[in-house]
Amino acid sequence: MITIEQLRAINKPENIAVTEHARIRLYERNISIDDIVNGINTGEIIKQYPDDKPLASCLILGFSVKSQYIHIVVSCDTDFIYLITAYFPDPDMWESDFKTRKGH
């Protein structure tokens, strides 16, 4: 299981590996690496995905640099955070706490 403390210990822009897919999505969604760093620093893990491959991953709810709620999906090892995706949660799809998907 990934802990938020484990992520925060290595949470610097130079330690965040961004896949090509994630880079394109960040650009499309106007999300910066600073938003990712801030989201991890202010966030909490709201779902674990222990069976993801090659590494377990988790969903973080945090705040962007402009104080917007942001969801960040990452995996990690001892040196790097691997950004899978990030997005601003849609209020039509999430409960008001942005931790629970509507209909679940």
N, C-alpha and C. Protein backbone atom coordinates (compact mmCIF):
# COMPACT_ATOMS: atom_id res chain seq x y z
N MET A 1 0.84 -1.19 0.00
CA MET A 1 0.00 0.00 0.00
C MET A 1 0.88 1.26 0.00
N ILE A 2 0.47 2.20 -0.76
CA ILE A 2 1.17 3.48 -0.84
C ILE A 2 0.63 4.38 0.27
N THR A 3 1.52 5.13 0.91
CA THR A 3 1.06 6.10 1.90
C THR A 3 1.32 7.51 1.38
N ILE A 4 0.52 8.45 1.85
CA ILE A 4 0.72 9.85 1.43
C ILE A 4 2.06 10.35 1.93
N GLU A 5 2.51 9.86 3.09
CA GLU A 5 3.82 10.27 3.63
C GLU A 5 4.96 9.80 2.71
N GLN A 6 4.84 8.59 2.20
CA GLN A 6 5.82 8.04 1.26
C GLN A 6 5.90 8.92 0.01
N LEU A 7 4.75 9.35 -0.49
CA LEU A 7 4.72 10.21 -1.68
C LEU A 7 5.30 11.59 -1.37
N ARG A 8 4.91 12.16 -0.24
CA ARG A 8 5.39 13.50 0.11
C ARG A 8 6.90 13.54 0.29
N ALA A 9 7.48 12.43 0.74
CA ALA A 9 8.93 12.39 0.99
C ALA A 9 9.73 12.58 -0.30
N ILE A 10 9.15 12.22 -1.45
CA ILE A 10 9.87 12.36 -2.73
C ILE A 10 9.15 13.32 -3.68
N ASN A 11 8.22 14.09 -3.17
CA ASN A 11 7.35 14.93 -3.99
C ASN A 11 8.02 16.23 -4.42
N LYS A 12 8.84 16.12 -5.47
CA LYS A 12 9.48 17.28 -6.09
C LYS A 12 9.32 17.12 -7.59
N PRO A 13 9.26 18.22 -8.33
CA PRO A 13 9.08 18.10 -9.79
C PRO A 13 10.08 17.16 -10.45
N GLU A 14 11.34 17.19 -10.00
CA GLU A 14 12.36 16.35 -10.64
C GLU A 14 12.19 14.86 -10.33
N ASN A 15 11.34 14.54 -9.36
CA ASN A 15 11.09 13.13 -9.00
C ASN A 15 9.77 12.62 -9.56
N ILE A 16 9.10 13.42 -10.38
CA ILE A 16 7.82 13.00 -10.94
C ILE A 16 8.04 12.61 -12.41
N ALA A 17 7.84 11.34 -12.68
CA ALA A 17 7.96 10.82 -14.05
C ALA A 17 6.59 10.90 -14.70
N VAL A 18 6.54 11.58 -15.85
CA VAL A 18 5.27 11.79 -16.54
C VAL A 18 5.29 11.01 -17.85
N THR A 19 4.33 10.11 -18.01
CA THR A 19 4.25 9.36 -19.27
C THR A 19 3.80 10.30 -20.38
N GLU A 20 4.00 9.87 -21.61
CA GLU A 20 3.54 10.67 -22.75
C GLU A 20 2.03 10.86 -22.67
N HIS A 21 1.30 9.81 -22.34
CA HIS A 21 -0.16 9.91 -22.20
C HIS A 21 -0.53 10.97 -21.15
N ALA A 22 0.12 10.90 -20.00
CA ALA A 22 -0.19 11.85 -18.92
C ALA A 22 0.19 13.28 -19.34
N ARG A 23 1.31 13.43 -20.04
CA ARG A 23 1.72 14.77 -20.48
C ARG A 23 0.67 15.39 -21.40
N ILE A 24 0.15 14.60 -22.30
CA ILE A 24 -0.89 15.09 -23.22
C ILE A 24 -2.15 15.46 -22.43
N ARG A 25 -2.56 14.62 -21.50
CA ARG A 25 -3.76 14.90 -20.70
C ARG A 25 -3.57 16.15 -19.83
N LEU A 26 -2.40 16.32 -19.24
CA LEU A 26 -2.15 17.52 -18.43
C LEU A 26 -2.30 18.77 -19.29
N TYR A 27 -1.72 18.71 -20.48
CA TYR A 27 -1.81 19.85 -21.39
C TYR A 27 -3.27 20.13 -21.75
N GLU A 28 -4.01 19.09 -22.11
CA GLU A 28 -5.42 19.26 -22.49
C GLU A 28 -6.27 19.82 -21.35
N ARG A 29 -5.91 19.45 -20.14
CA ARG A 29 -6.71 19.84 -18.96
C ARG A 29 -6.15 21.06 -18.24
N ASN A 30 -5.08 21.63 -18.81
CA ASN A 30 -4.45 22.82 -18.22
C ASN A 30 -4.02 22.57 -16.77
N ILE A 31 -3.34 21.44 -16.56
CA ILE A 31 -2.83 21.07 -15.24
C ILE A 31 -1.30 21.10 -15.33
N SER A 32 -0.67 21.76 -14.37
CA SER A 32 0.79 21.88 -14.35
C SER A 32 1.41 20.88 -13.37
N ILE A 33 2.72 20.70 -13.48
CA ILE A 33 3.44 19.88 -12.51
C ILE A 33 3.32 20.51 -11.12
N ASP A 34 3.29 21.84 -11.05
CA ASP A 34 3.08 22.50 -9.75
C ASP A 34 1.73 22.10 -9.14
N ASP A 35 0.71 21.93 -9.99
CA ASP A 35 -0.59 21.45 -9.50
C ASP A 35 -0.46 20.05 -8.92
N ILE A 36 0.33 19.20 -9.58
CA ILE A 36 0.53 17.83 -9.10
C ILE A 36 1.25 17.84 -7.76
N VAL A 37 2.34 18.59 -7.67
CA VAL A 37 3.10 18.68 -6.41
C VAL A 37 2.20 19.21 -5.29
N ASN A 38 1.46 20.27 -5.58
CA ASN A 38 0.57 20.85 -4.57
C ASN A 38 -0.53 19.86 -4.18
N GLY A 39 -1.07 19.15 -5.17
CA GLY A 39 -2.11 18.17 -4.89
C GLY A 39 -1.65 17.06 -3.98
N ILE A 40 -0.43 16.60 -4.17
CA ILE A 40 0.12 15.56 -3.29
C ILE A 40 0.39 16.14 -1.90
N ASN A 41 0.94 17.36 -1.84
CA ASN A 41 1.23 17.98 -0.54
C ASN A 41 -0.02 18.27 0.28
N THR A 42 -1.12 18.59 -0.39
CA THR A 42 -2.35 18.96 0.32
C THR A 42 -3.35 17.81 0.37
N GLY A 43 -3.03 16.71 -0.29
CA GLY A 43 -4.03 15.69 -0.52
C GLY A 43 -4.05 14.53 0.45
N GLU A 44 -5.02 13.66 0.16
CA GLU A 44 -5.15 12.40 0.88
C GLU A 44 -5.46 11.31 -0.13
N ILE A 45 -5.02 10.11 0.19
CA ILE A 45 -5.30 8.97 -0.69
C ILE A 45 -6.73 8.54 -0.42
N ILE A 46 -7.54 8.51 -1.49
CA ILE A 46 -8.95 8.13 -1.30
C ILE A 46 -9.25 6.75 -1.88
N LYS A 47 -8.33 6.20 -2.67
CA LYS A 47 -8.54 4.83 -3.18
C LYS A 47 -7.18 4.23 -3.51
N GLN A 48 -7.02 2.97 -3.14
CA GLN A 48 -5.81 2.22 -3.47
C GLN A 48 -6.13 1.24 -4.59
N TYR A 49 -5.17 1.05 -5.47
CA TYR A 49 -5.28 0.06 -6.54
C TYR A 49 -4.09 -0.90 -6.42
N PRO A 50 -4.15 -1.80 -5.43
CA PRO A 50 -2.98 -2.65 -5.13
C PRO A 50 -2.62 -3.64 -6.23
N ASP A 51 -3.56 -3.94 -7.11
CA ASP A 51 -3.31 -4.95 -8.15
C ASP A 51 -2.83 -4.35 -9.47
N ASP A 52 -2.69 -3.02 -9.54
CA ASP A 52 -2.19 -2.40 -10.77
C ASP A 52 -0.78 -2.89 -11.07
N LYS A 53 -0.45 -2.96 -12.34
CA LYS A 53 0.87 -3.41 -12.79
C LYS A 53 1.50 -2.32 -13.65
N PRO A 54 2.79 -2.13 -13.62
CA PRO A 54 3.78 -2.92 -12.89
C PRO A 54 3.87 -2.57 -11.41
N LEU A 55 3.30 -1.44 -10.99
CA LEU A 55 3.33 -1.04 -9.57
C LEU A 55 1.92 -0.73 -9.10
N ALA A 56 1.68 -0.96 -7.83
CA ALA A 56 0.40 -0.54 -7.24
C ALA A 56 0.24 0.96 -7.44
N SER A 57 -1.00 1.43 -7.51
CA SER A 57 -1.24 2.86 -7.67
C SER A 57 -2.33 3.30 -6.70
N CYS A 58 -2.56 4.62 -6.69
CA CYS A 58 -3.58 5.16 -5.81
C CYS A 58 -4.16 6.43 -6.40
N LEU A 59 -5.36 6.77 -5.92
CA LEU A 59 -6.04 8.01 -6.30
C LEU A 59 -5.95 8.98 -5.14
N ILE A 60 -5.46 10.18 -5.42
CA ILE A 60 -5.30 11.23 -4.41
C ILE A 60 -6.30 12.33 -4.70
N LEU A 61 -6.93 12.83 -3.66
CA LEU A 61 -7.74 14.04 -3.75
C LEU A 61 -6.96 15.14 -3.05
N GLY A 62 -6.62 16.19 -3.80
CA GLY A 62 -5.88 17.31 -3.24
C GLY A 62 -6.36 18.60 -3.87
N PHE A 63 -5.53 19.62 -3.74
CA PHE A 63 -5.86 20.94 -4.28
C PHE A 63 -4.78 21.39 -5.25
N SER A 64 -5.21 21.98 -6.35
CA SER A 64 -4.29 22.58 -7.31
C SER A 64 -3.71 23.86 -6.70
N VAL A 65 -2.78 24.49 -7.40
CA VAL A 65 -2.20 25.74 -6.90
C VAL A 65 -3.25 26.85 -6.82
N LYS A 66 -4.34 26.72 -7.59
CA LYS A 66 -5.43 27.70 -7.54
C LYS A 66 -6.57 27.24 -6.63
N SER A 67 -6.26 26.29 -5.74
CA SER A 67 -7.20 25.78 -4.74
C SER A 67 -8.43 25.09 -5.32
N GLN A 68 -8.27 24.49 -6.51
CA GLN A 68 -9.34 23.68 -7.08
C GLN A 68 -9.11 22.23 -6.64
N TYR A 69 -10.20 21.50 -6.40
CA TYR A 69 -10.05 20.07 -6.15
C TYR A 69 -9.41 19.43 -7.37
N ILE A 70 -8.48 18.49 -7.12
CA ILE A 70 -7.83 17.77 -8.21
C ILE A 70 -7.68 16.31 -7.81
N HIS A 71 -7.92 15.42 -8.76
CA HIS A 71 -7.66 14.00 -8.58
C HIS A 71 -6.37 13.67 -9.31
N ILE A 72 -5.51 12.92 -8.63
CA ILE A 72 -4.21 12.54 -9.19
C ILE A 72 -4.05 11.04 -8.99
N VAL A 73 -3.74 10.32 -10.06
CA VAL A 73 -3.48 8.89 -9.97
C VAL A 73 -1.98 8.68 -10.18
N VAL A 74 -1.35 8.05 -9.20
CA VAL A 74 0.10 7.83 -9.25
C VAL A 74 0.46 6.43 -8.77
N SER A 75 1.64 6.00 -9.17
CA SER A 75 2.31 4.87 -8.55
C SER A 75 3.69 5.39 -8.13
N CYS A 76 4.44 4.59 -7.41
CA CYS A 76 5.76 5.08 -6.99
C CYS A 76 6.67 3.91 -6.64
N ASP A 77 7.96 4.23 -6.63
CA ASP A 77 8.95 3.35 -6.05
C ASP A 77 9.71 4.20 -5.04
N THR A 78 10.90 3.79 -4.65
CA THR A 78 11.59 4.56 -3.61
C THR A 78 12.11 5.91 -4.09
N ASP A 79 12.28 6.08 -5.41
CA ASP A 79 12.88 7.30 -5.94
C ASP A 79 11.96 8.20 -6.75
N PHE A 80 10.94 7.62 -7.35
CA PHE A 80 10.10 8.39 -8.28
C PHE A 80 8.62 8.19 -8.03
N ILE A 81 7.87 9.24 -8.34
CA ILE A 81 6.42 9.19 -8.43
C ILE A 81 6.10 9.09 -9.92
N TYR A 82 5.31 8.11 -10.28
CA TYR A 82 4.93 7.92 -11.68
C TYR A 82 3.50 8.43 -11.86
N LEU A 83 3.37 9.52 -12.57
CA LEU A 83 2.07 10.12 -12.78
C LEU A 83 1.33 9.35 -13.87
N ILE A 84 0.18 8.82 -13.51
CA ILE A 84 -0.63 8.07 -14.47
C ILE A 84 -1.62 9.02 -15.14
N THR A 85 -2.34 9.79 -14.35
CA THR A 85 -3.23 10.81 -14.89
C THR A 85 -3.62 11.78 -13.78
N ALA A 86 -4.19 12.89 -14.19
CA ALA A 86 -4.73 13.87 -13.24
C ALA A 86 -5.86 14.61 -13.94
N TYR A 87 -6.84 14.99 -13.14
CA TYR A 87 -8.00 15.69 -13.71
C TYR A 87 -8.73 16.44 -12.60
N PHE A 88 -9.51 17.43 -13.00
CA PHE A 88 -10.38 18.13 -12.07
C PHE A 88 -11.69 17.34 -12.02
N PRO A 89 -12.08 16.83 -10.85
CA PRO A 89 -13.25 15.96 -10.79
C PRO A 89 -14.53 16.69 -11.19
N ASP A 90 -15.37 15.99 -11.93
CA ASP A 90 -16.64 16.52 -12.43
C ASP A 90 -17.69 16.39 -11.33
N PRO A 91 -18.29 17.51 -10.88
CA PRO A 91 -19.30 17.45 -9.82
C PRO A 91 -20.52 16.60 -10.19
N ASP A 92 -20.74 16.39 -11.49
CA ASP A 92 -21.86 15.53 -11.91
C ASP A 92 -21.55 14.05 -11.69
N MET A 93 -20.26 13.72 -11.57
CA MET A 93 -19.86 12.33 -11.41
C MET A 93 -19.45 11.97 -9.99
N TRP A 94 -19.20 12.99 -9.16
CA TRP A 94 -18.69 12.76 -7.81
C TRP A 94 -19.61 13.43 -6.78
N GLU A 95 -19.69 12.82 -5.62
CA GLU A 95 -20.41 13.44 -4.51
C GLU A 95 -19.71 14.74 -4.14
N SER A 96 -20.35 15.55 -3.31
CA SER A 96 -19.82 16.89 -3.00
C SER A 96 -18.46 16.86 -2.32
N ASP A 97 -18.10 15.74 -1.67
CA ASP A 97 -16.77 15.64 -1.04
C ASP A 97 -15.69 15.25 -2.05
N PHE A 98 -16.08 14.93 -3.28
CA PHE A 98 -15.18 14.50 -4.36
C PHE A 98 -14.40 13.24 -4.01
N LYS A 99 -14.87 12.49 -3.01
CA LYS A 99 -14.22 11.23 -2.62
C LYS A 99 -15.02 10.02 -3.08
N THR A 100 -16.30 10.21 -3.36
CA THR A 100 -17.19 9.11 -3.68
C THR A 100 -17.84 9.34 -5.04
N ARG A 101 -17.71 8.35 -5.91
CA ARG A 101 -18.38 8.45 -7.21
C ARG A 101 -19.88 8.34 -6.99
N LYS A 102 -20.63 9.14 -7.70
CA LYS A 102 -22.08 9.06 -7.62
C LYS A 102 -22.53 7.70 -8.14
N GLY A 103 -23.53 7.14 -7.48
CA GLY A 103 -24.06 5.85 -7.89
C GLY A 103 -23.29 4.67 -7.35
N HIS A 104 -22.29 4.91 -6.48
CA HIS A 104 -21.53 3.80 -5.88
C HIS A 104 -21.74 3.75 -4.39
